[in-house]
Each structure stands twice: as structure tokens, then as C-alpha cells.
Amino acid sequence: MGVLRSLLTLPVKGPVNGTLWVARKVEEAATKEQNAPGTLRKALANLERQLLSGEISEEAYDEAETKILLRIRGLE
């Protein structure tokens, strides 16, 4: 009965499972790119530029810098 049920539900479950698989792959790629060392270095440089231009406060800078450094070190 399990094989028959799988065959009968394939037209409905197939596209759903395929969509979920694609969504997981997109998420994996985005996470990988987001945590790439070059991307994190650029984020630090942008953060420092914002601090020096007065766009953000020193407290906001410290908080964001800590998060980025933890990601760089792989602790988060």
C-alpha cells in the first residue's frame, strides 16, 4: 500500500518536495555567501565607515562589530 500511496500522491507531493529542496539549496547558498570571509570583511569596513561618518553610534558599532567578529571566528 505504501508504494501505491506514493504513486498516487506523487502529482501533489512531487512539486512540493521539489520546491522545498530548491528553497533549502537557496538558503544554504545564501548562508554560505553571507558568512564568507570577504563578505564579513566588507561588512566590517562598511560598519567602520558608518561610525566615522556619524551614521551610527559607538554603541551600535560595538554591538554590530561583536556580531561580525563572532561570525568570522565561527562562534555564532
PDB file of N, CA and C in Angstrom:
ATOM      1  N   MET A   1       0.825  -1.197   0.000  1.00  0.00           N
ATOM      2  CA  MET A   1       0.000   0.000   0.000  1.00  0.00           C
ATOM      3  C   MET A   1       0.864   1.253   0.000  1.00  0.00           C
ATOM      4  N   GLY A   2       2.051   1.197   0.585  1.00  0.00           N
ATOM      5  CA  GLY A   2       2.916   2.360   0.651  1.00  0.00           C
ATOM      6  C   GLY A   2       3.372   2.827  -0.722  1.00  0.00           C
ATOM      7  N   VAL A   3       3.700   1.872  -1.606  1.00  0.00           N
ATOM      8  CA  VAL A   3       4.142   2.222  -2.957  1.00  0.00           C
ATOM      9  C   VAL A   3       2.985   2.827  -3.748  1.00  0.00           C
ATOM     10  N   LEU A   4       1.811   2.245  -3.607  1.00  0.00           N
ATOM     11  CA  LEU A   4       0.634   2.753  -4.312  1.00  0.00           C
ATOM     12  C   LEU A   4       0.302   4.164  -3.843  1.00  0.00           C
ATOM     13  N   ARG A   5       0.360   4.389  -2.549  1.00  0.00           N
ATOM     14  CA  ARG A   5       0.083   5.708  -1.996  1.00  0.00           C
ATOM     15  C   ARG A   5       1.108   6.712  -2.517  1.00  0.00           C
ATOM     16  N   SER A   6       2.378   6.310  -2.564  1.00  0.00           N
ATOM     17  CA  SER A   6       3.420   7.201  -3.078  1.00  0.00           C
ATOM     18  C   SER A   6       3.153   7.575  -4.527  1.00  0.00           C
ATOM     19  N   LEU A   7       2.770   6.608  -5.334  1.00  0.00           N
ATOM     20  CA  LEU A   7       2.486   6.875  -6.745  1.00  0.00           C
ATOM     21  C   LEU A   7       1.264   7.769  -6.919  1.00  0.00           C
ATOM     22  N   LEU A   8       0.240   7.537  -6.094  1.00  0.00           N
ATOM     23  CA  LEU A   8      -0.978   8.326  -6.222  1.00  0.00           C
ATOM     24  C   LEU A   8      -0.792   9.768  -5.742  1.00  0.00           C
ATOM     25  N   THR A   9       0.057   9.974  -4.766  1.00  0.00           N
ATOM     26  CA  THR A   9       0.265  11.326  -4.238  1.00  0.00           C
ATOM     27  C   THR A   9       1.429  12.049  -4.913  1.00  0.00           C
ATOM     28  N   LEU A  10       2.124  11.382  -5.822  1.00  0.00           N
ATOM     29  CA  LEU A  10       3.268  11.990  -6.495  1.00  0.00           C
ATOM     30  C   LEU A  10       2.928  13.287  -7.224  1.00  0.00           C
ATOM     31  N   PRO A  11       1.801  13.373  -7.935  1.00  0.00           N
ATOM     32  CA  PRO A  11       1.499  14.639  -8.627  1.00  0.00           C
ATOM     33  C   PRO A  11       1.355  15.831  -7.685  1.00  0.00           C
ATOM     34  N   VAL A  12       0.973  15.575  -6.456  1.00  0.00           N
ATOM     35  CA  VAL A  12       0.812  16.660  -5.487  1.00  0.00           C
ATOM     36  C   VAL A  12       2.097  16.863  -4.687  1.00  0.00           C
ATOM     37  N   LYS A  13       2.645  15.780  -4.170  1.00  0.00           N
ATOM     38  CA  LYS A  13       3.815  15.878  -3.303  1.00  0.00           C
ATOM     39  C   LYS A  13       5.106  16.144  -4.067  1.00  0.00           C
ATOM     40  N   GLY A  14       5.178  15.717  -5.326  1.00  0.00           N
ATOM     41  CA  GLY A  14       6.395  15.904  -6.107  1.00  0.00           C
ATOM     42  C   GLY A  14       6.797  17.366  -6.229  1.00  0.00           C
ATOM     43  N   PRO A  15       5.898  18.231  -6.715  1.00  0.00           N
ATOM     44  CA  PRO A  15       6.247  19.651  -6.829  1.00  0.00           C
ATOM     45  C   PRO A  15       6.532  20.310  -5.474  1.00  0.00           C
ATOM     46  N   VAL A  16       5.793  19.899  -4.456  1.00  0.00           N
ATOM     47  CA  VAL A  16       6.019  20.465  -3.120  1.00  0.00           C
ATOM     48  C   VAL A  16       7.405  20.079  -2.620  1.00  0.00           C
ATOM     49  N   ASN A  17       7.742  18.802  -2.735  1.00  0.00           N
ATOM     50  CA  ASN A  17       9.060  18.352  -2.293  1.00  0.00           C
ATOM     51  C   ASN A  17      10.170  19.008  -3.107  1.00  0.00           C
ATOM     52  N   GLY A  18       9.941  19.174  -4.402  1.00  0.00           N
ATOM     53  CA  GLY A  18      10.928  19.841  -5.249  1.00  0.00           C
ATOM     54  C   GLY A  18      11.124  21.292  -4.858  1.00  0.00           C
ATOM     55  N   THR A  19      10.031  21.974  -4.566  1.00  0.00           N
ATOM     56  CA  THR A  19      10.104  23.372  -4.137  1.00  0.00           C
ATOM     57  C   THR A  19      10.839  23.495  -2.813  1.00  0.00           C
ATOM     58  N   LEU A  20      10.568  22.597  -1.883  1.00  0.00           N
ATOM     59  CA  LEU A  20      11.258  22.625  -0.588  1.00  0.00           C
ATOM     60  C   LEU A  20      12.745  22.355  -0.755  1.00  0.00           C
ATOM     61  N   TRP A  21      13.093  21.448  -1.661  1.00  0.00           N
ATOM     62  CA  TRP A  21      14.504  21.154  -1.909  1.00  0.00           C
ATOM     63  C   TRP A  21      15.215  22.389  -2.467  1.00  0.00           C
ATOM     64  N   VAL A  22      14.589  23.044  -3.428  1.00  0.00           N
ATOM     65  CA  VAL A  22      15.176  24.258  -4.012  1.00  0.00           C
ATOM     66  C   VAL A  22      15.314  25.345  -2.947  1.00  0.00           C
ATOM     67  N   ALA A  23      14.310  25.505  -2.108  1.00  0.00           N
ATOM     68  CA  ALA A  23      14.368  26.515  -1.049  1.00  0.00           C
ATOM     69  C   ALA A  23      15.514  26.233  -0.085  1.00  0.00           C
ATOM     70  N   ARG A  24      15.738  24.961   0.261  1.00  0.00           N
ATOM     71  CA  ARG A  24      16.853  24.612   1.150  1.00  0.00           C
ATOM     72  C   ARG A  24      18.191  24.918   0.499  1.00  0.00           C
ATOM     73  N   LYS A  25      18.310  24.624  -0.795  1.00  0.00           N
ATOM     74  CA  LYS A  25      19.565  24.897  -1.511  1.00  0.00           C
ATOM     75  C   LYS A  25      19.836  26.400  -1.596  1.00  0.00           C
ATOM     76  N   VAL A  26      18.791  27.192  -1.829  1.00  0.00           N
ATOM     77  CA  VAL A  26      18.949  28.648  -1.879  1.00  0.00           C
ATOM     78  C   VAL A  26      19.379  29.178  -0.517  1.00  0.00           C
ATOM     79  N   GLU A  27      18.762  28.653   0.533  1.00  0.00           N
ATOM     80  CA  GLU A  27      19.127  29.072   1.888  1.00  0.00           C
ATOM     81  C   GLU A  27      20.574  28.712   2.195  1.00  0.00           C
ATOM     82  N   GLU A  28      21.002  27.515   1.828  1.00  0.00           N
ATOM     83  CA  GLU A  28      22.385  27.099   2.057  1.00  0.00           C
ATOM     84  C   GLU A  28      23.368  28.014   1.330  1.00  0.00           C
ATOM     85  N   ALA A  29      23.061  28.340   0.078  1.00  0.00           N
ATOM     86  CA  ALA A  29      23.943  29.207  -0.706  1.00  0.00           C
ATOM     87  C   ALA A  29      23.996  30.611  -0.116  1.00  0.00           C
ATOM     88  N   ALA A  30      22.849  31.128   0.310  1.00  0.00           N
ATOM     89  CA  ALA A  30      22.816  32.467   0.904  1.00  0.00           C
ATOM     90  C   ALA A  30      23.592  32.507   2.209  1.00  0.00           C
ATOM     91  N   THR A  31      23.452  31.486   3.026  1.00  0.00           N
ATOM     92  CA  THR A  31      24.176  31.422   4.291  1.00  0.00           C
ATOM     93  C   THR A  31      25.672  31.325   4.041  1.00  0.00           C
ATOM     94  N   LYS A  32      26.044  30.518   3.076  1.00  0.00           N
ATOM     95  CA  LYS A  32      27.464  30.364   2.750  1.00  0.00           C
ATOM     96  C   LYS A  32      28.057  31.690   2.281  1.00  0.00           C
ATOM     97  N   GLU A  33      27.332  32.392   1.417  1.00  0.00           N
ATOM     98  CA  GLU A  33      27.829  33.678   0.917  1.00  0.00           C
ATOM     99  C   GLU A  33      27.846  34.729   2.023  1.00  0.00           C
ATOM    100  N   GLN A  34      26.834  34.719   2.858  1.00  0.00           N
ATOM    101  CA  GLN A  34      26.739  35.693   3.942  1.00  0.00           C
ATOM    102  C   GLN A  34      27.869  35.522   4.943  1.00  0.00           C
ATOM    103  N   ASN A  35      28.335  34.304   5.143  1.00  0.00           N
ATOM    104  CA  ASN A  35      29.393  34.037   6.106  1.00  0.00           C
ATOM    105  C   ASN A  35      30.769  33.917   5.464  1.00  0.00           C
ATOM    106  N   ALA A  36      30.884  34.273   4.197  1.00  0.00           N
ATOM    107  CA  ALA A  36      32.179  34.237   3.522  1.00  0.00           C
ATOM    108  C   ALA A  36      33.097  35.290   4.141  1.00  0.00           C
ATOM    109  N   PRO A  37      34.372  34.963   4.326  1.00  0.00           N
ATOM    110  CA  PRO A  37      35.302  35.922   4.948  1.00  0.00           C
ATOM    111  C   PRO A  37      35.345  37.279   4.244  1.00  0.00           C
ATOM    112  N   GLY A  38      35.313  37.285   2.924  1.00  0.00           N
ATOM    113  CA  GLY A  38      35.347  38.550   2.192  1.00  0.00           C
ATOM    114  C   GLY A  38      34.119  39.404   2.460  1.00  0.00           C
ATOM    115  N   THR A  39      32.967  38.761   2.523  1.00  0.00           N
ATOM    116  CA  THR A  39      31.727  39.473   2.807  1.00  0.00           C
ATOM    117  C   THR A  39      31.750  40.066   4.209  1.00  0.00           C
ATOM    118  N   LEU A  40      32.272  39.300   5.163  1.00  0.00           N
ATOM    119  CA  LEU A  40      32.334  39.787   6.540  1.00  0.00           C
ATOM    120  C   LEU A  40      33.336  40.930   6.681  1.00  0.00           C
ATOM    121  N   ARG A  41      34.456  40.861   5.958  1.00  0.00           N
ATOM    122  CA  ARG A  41      35.430  41.962   5.995  1.00  0.00           C
ATOM    123  C   ARG A  41      34.818  43.240   5.413  1.00  0.00           C
ATOM    124  N   LYS A  42      34.068  43.084   4.326  1.00  0.00           N
ATOM    125  CA  LYS A  42      33.396  44.246   3.735  1.00  0.00           C
ATOM    126  C   LYS A  42      32.380  44.837   4.717  1.00  0.00           C
ATOM    127  N   ALA A  43      31.683  43.959   5.433  1.00  0.00           N
ATOM    128  CA  ALA A  43      30.701  44.428   6.416  1.00  0.00           C
ATOM    129  C   ALA A  43      31.389  45.215   7.524  1.00  0.00           C
ATOM    130  N   LEU A  44      32.555  44.741   7.960  1.00  0.00           N
ATOM    131  CA  LEU A  44      33.315  45.480   8.979  1.00  0.00           C
ATOM    132  C   LEU A  44      33.762  46.838   8.455  1.00  0.00           C
ATOM    133  N   ALA A  45      34.249  46.862   7.228  1.00  0.00           N
ATOM    134  CA  ALA A  45      34.697  48.129   6.637  1.00  0.00           C
ATOM    135  C   ALA A  45      33.529  49.100   6.495  1.00  0.00           C
ATOM    136  N   ASN A  46      32.382  48.599   6.075  1.00  0.00           N
ATOM    137  CA  ASN A  46      31.194  49.438   5.933  1.00  0.00           C
ATOM    138  C   ASN A  46      30.738  49.947   7.296  1.00  0.00           C
ATOM    139  N   LEU A  47      30.811  49.102   8.280  1.00  0.00           N
ATOM    140  CA  LEU A  47      30.431  49.484   9.637  1.00  0.00           C
ATOM    141  C   LEU A  47      31.335  50.599  10.159  1.00  0.00           C
ATOM    142  N   GLU A  48      32.635  50.456   9.912  1.00  0.00           N
ATOM    143  CA  GLU A  48      33.579  51.494  10.350  1.00  0.00           C
ATOM    144  C   GLU A  48      33.319  52.811   9.614  1.00  0.00           C
ATOM    145  N   ARG A  49      33.000  52.725   8.317  1.00  0.00           N
ATOM    146  CA  ARG A  49      32.684  53.928   7.555  1.00  0.00           C
ATOM    147  C   ARG A  49      31.455  54.631   8.132  1.00  0.00           C
ATOM    148  N   GLN A  50      30.454  53.835   8.529  1.00  0.00           N
ATOM    149  CA  GLN A  50      29.250  54.413   9.121  1.00  0.00           C
ATOM    150  C   GLN A  50      29.561  55.095  10.450  1.00  0.00           C
ATOM    151  N   LEU A  51      30.435  54.491  11.229  1.00  0.00           N
ATOM    152  CA  LEU A  51      30.807  55.086  12.513  1.00  0.00           C
ATOM    153  C   LEU A  51      31.541  56.409  12.292  1.00  0.00           C
ATOM    154  N   LEU A  52      32.500  56.408  11.388  1.00  0.00           N
ATOM    155  CA  LEU A  52      33.296  57.611  11.143  1.00  0.00           C
ATOM    156  C   LEU A  52      32.481  58.737  10.524  1.00  0.00           C
ATOM    157  N   SER A  53      31.452  58.394   9.760  1.00  0.00           N
ATOM    158  CA  SER A  53      30.614  59.424   9.152  1.00  0.00           C
ATOM    159  C   SER A  53      29.495  59.881  10.088  1.00  0.00           C
ATOM    160  N   GLY A  54      29.363  59.220  11.230  1.00  0.00           N
ATOM    161  CA  GLY A  54      28.348  59.612  12.200  1.00  0.00           C
ATOM    162  C   GLY A  54      26.979  59.015  11.953  1.00  0.00           C
ATOM    163  N   GLU A  55      26.883  58.059  11.045  1.00  0.00           N
ATOM    164  CA  GLU A  55      25.587  57.441  10.755  1.00  0.00           C
ATOM    165  C   GLU A  55      25.092  56.561  11.901  1.00  0.00           C
ATOM    166  N   ILE A  56      26.032  55.965  12.638  1.00  0.00           N
ATOM    167  CA  ILE A  56      25.663  55.106  13.763  1.00  0.00           C
ATOM    168  C   ILE A  56      26.443  55.522  15.001  1.00  0.00           C
ATOM    169  N   SER A  57      25.911  55.171  16.150  1.00  0.00           N
ATOM    170  CA  SER A  57      26.575  55.499  17.411  1.00  0.00           C
ATOM    171  C   SER A  57      27.680  54.488  17.699  1.00  0.00           C
ATOM    172  N   GLU A  58      28.522  54.833  18.651  1.00  0.00           N
ATOM    173  CA  GLU A  58      29.603  53.929  19.018  1.00  0.00           C
ATOM    174  C   GLU A  58      29.064  52.649  19.649  1.00  0.00           C
ATOM    175  N   GLU A  59      27.960  52.756  20.379  1.00  0.00           N
ATOM    176  CA  GLU A  59      27.356  51.574  20.991  1.00  0.00           C
ATOM    177  C   GLU A  59      26.833  50.624  19.909  1.00  0.00           C
ATOM    178  N   ALA A  60      26.170  51.181  18.900  1.00  0.00           N
ATOM    179  CA  ALA A  60      25.663  50.357  17.806  1.00  0.00           C
ATOM    180  C   ALA A  60      26.819  49.723  17.042  1.00  0.00           C
ATOM    181  N   TYR A  61      27.890  50.496  16.876  1.00  0.00           N
ATOM    182  CA  TYR A  61      29.076  49.968  16.202  1.00  0.00           C
ATOM    183  C   TYR A  61      29.652  48.792  16.981  1.00  0.00           C
ATOM    184  N   ASP A  62      29.817  48.960  18.289  1.00  0.00           N
ATOM    185  CA  ASP A  62      30.392  47.892  19.112  1.00  0.00           C
ATOM    186  C   ASP A  62      29.549  46.622  19.047  1.00  0.00           C
ATOM    187  N   GLU A  63      28.243  46.790  19.115  1.00  0.00           N
ATOM    188  CA  GLU A  63      27.346  45.628  19.073  1.00  0.00           C
ATOM    189  C   GLU A  63      27.445  44.902  17.729  1.00  0.00           C
ATOM    190  N   ALA A  64      27.388  45.661  16.647  1.00  0.00           N
ATOM    191  CA  ALA A  64      27.457  45.058  15.317  1.00  0.00           C
ATOM    192  C   ALA A  64      28.830  44.453  15.056  1.00  0.00           C
ATOM    193  N   GLU A  65      29.869  45.122  15.500  1.00  0.00           N
ATOM    194  CA  GLU A  65      31.229  44.606  15.310  1.00  0.00           C
ATOM    195  C   GLU A  65      31.407  43.274  16.033  1.00  0.00           C
ATOM    196  N   THR A  66      30.891  43.180  17.240  1.00  0.00           N
ATOM    197  CA  THR A  66      30.987  41.936  18.005  1.00  0.00           C
ATOM    198  C   THR A  66      30.302  40.792  17.266  1.00  0.00           C
ATOM    199  N   LYS A  67      29.112  41.056  16.723  1.00  0.00           N
ATOM    200  CA  LYS A  67      28.392  40.017  15.985  1.00  0.00           C
ATOM    201  C   LYS A  67      29.177  39.563  14.762  1.00  0.00           C
ATOM    202  N   ILE A  68      29.745  40.505  14.033  1.00  0.00           N
ATOM    203  CA  ILE A  68      30.507  40.156  12.832  1.00  0.00           C
ATOM    204  C   ILE A  68      31.756  39.376  13.207  1.00  0.00           C
ATOM    205  N   LEU A  69      32.448  39.816  14.246  1.00  0.00           N
ATOM    206  CA  LEU A  69      33.677  39.109  14.665  1.00  0.00           C
ATOM    207  C   LEU A  69      33.358  37.706  15.141  1.00  0.00           C
ATOM    208  N   LEU A  70      32.247  37.511  15.816  1.00  0.00           N
ATOM    209  CA  LEU A  70      31.855  36.166  16.236  1.00  0.00           C
ATOM    210  C   LEU A  70      31.569  35.289  15.025  1.00  0.00           C
ATOM    211  N   ARG A  71      30.933  35.864  14.011  1.00  0.00           N
ATOM    212  CA  ARG A  71      30.688  35.090  12.780  1.00  0.00           C
ATOM    213  C   ARG A  71      32.003  34.748  12.096  1.00  0.00           C
ATOM    214  N   ILE A  72      32.940  35.676  12.104  1.00  0.00           N
ATOM    215  CA  ILE A  72      34.234  35.416  11.488  1.00  0.00           C
ATOM    216  C   ILE A  72      34.934  34.256  12.210  1.00  0.00           C
ATOM    217  N   ARG A  73      34.856  34.271  13.487  1.00  0.00           N
ATOM    218  CA  ARG A  73      35.505  33.214  14.279  1.00  0.00           C
ATOM    219  C   ARG A  73      34.709  31.910  14.285  1.00  0.00           C
ATOM    220  N   GLY A  74      33.530  31.936  13.738  1.00  0.00           N
ATOM    221  CA  GLY A  74      32.706  30.737  13.663  1.00  0.00           C
ATOM    222  C   GLY A  74      32.085  30.344  14.992  1.00  0.00           C
ATOM    223  N   LEU A  75      31.934  31.315  15.882  1.00  0.00           N
ATOM    224  CA  LEU A  75      31.372  31.007  17.202  1.00  0.00           C
ATOM    225  C   LEU A  75      29.871  31.197  17.249  1.00  0.00           C
ATOM    226  N   GLU A  76      29.309  31.759  16.192  1.00  0.00           N
ATOM    227  CA  GLU A  76      27.884  32.016  16.224  1.00  0.00           C
ATOM    228  C   GLU A  76      27.153  31.008  15.379  1.00  0.00           C
TER     229      GLU A  76
END
